[in-house]
Amino acid sequence: MGMAKLQPLLPILVAKKLNITSIGAAAMLSEMSSKKMLKISHLKVGSSPVYYLPGTELFLESFKGSLGQKELQAFDVIKEKRVLRESEQTPLLRVCLKNIKDFAIPLEVQYDGKTEIFYQWFLFPEGQARELIGKIISSTEKVTTPIIPKA
């Protein structure tokens, strides 16, 4: 399968390719996602969501231009840092991280009877994220119990 076939899909492009209405294409893509053949991103291009094959999430990055200016800044921060502790971010960045669900994955981390939210860059391996979260917590807290992210 060529690279072009792996890229995310928009209903309007599918409609043109198959010579059907965009409503028909959207219905077809929605049906495919309900059968777990495709995933639906939280991104919107116009009013349409972006559909993609499981395992091809990395192509979503090409749609970052559809993010607003503040969300794009949050995108750049999480991409650079890989892991962010929610409590250490500005209120605006916290909101933006919640709005870019495709790129910033929230992780609920429990330690010493506390629960905190960390955000992980969507392409950063989970094992490395856990390791980095452990370093972040141990640098600011005296941890006596293991860190257990609930993915």
Foldseek 3Di string as FASTA:
>chain_A
DDPVVQAWDWLVVVCVVVVHDSVVSLVVLVVCVVVVQWPWALQDDPNTTIIGGPPSLVNCVVVLVSDDPLLNVLLVVCVVVQKAWLVVDDPSSNVSLVSRCSAWPWWWKDFPNDTTIMTGGNPDDPVVRLVVVVVVCVVPHVTDDDIDIDD
